[in-house]
Amino acid sequence: MGVWFEFHWARHFVTLARSKDF
């Protein structure tokens, strides 16, 4: 479950960064 949670968090972070066009 920990790995899944980490993956989900990472995906959210990437999406946010992409939206901000970092």
Protein backbone atom coordinates (compact mmCIF):
# COMPACT_ATOMS: atom_id res chain seq x y z
CA MET A 1 0.00 0.00 0.00
CA GLY A 2 2.89 2.35 0.77
CA VAL A 3 4.29 2.00 -2.74
CA TRP A 4 0.90 2.64 -4.31
CA PHE A 5 0.42 5.74 -2.15
CA GLU A 6 3.86 7.04 -3.12
CA PHE A 7 3.13 6.47 -6.81
CA HIS A 8 -0.18 8.30 -6.59
CA TRP A 9 1.45 11.23 -4.78
CA ALA A 10 4.26 11.39 -7.34
CA ARG A 11 1.74 11.45 -10.19
CA HIS A 12 -0.16 14.28 -8.56
CA PHE A 13 3.05 16.24 -8.05
CA VAL A 14 4.07 15.74 -11.69
CA THR A 15 0.65 16.89 -12.89
CA LEU A 16 0.86 20.00 -10.74
CA ALA A 17 4.37 20.79 -11.95
CA ARG A 18 3.32 20.30 -15.57
CA SER A 19 0.31 22.56 -15.08
CA LYS A 20 2.64 25.26 -13.73
CA ASP A 21 4.94 24.52 -16.69
CA PHE A 22 7.97 24.29 -14.42
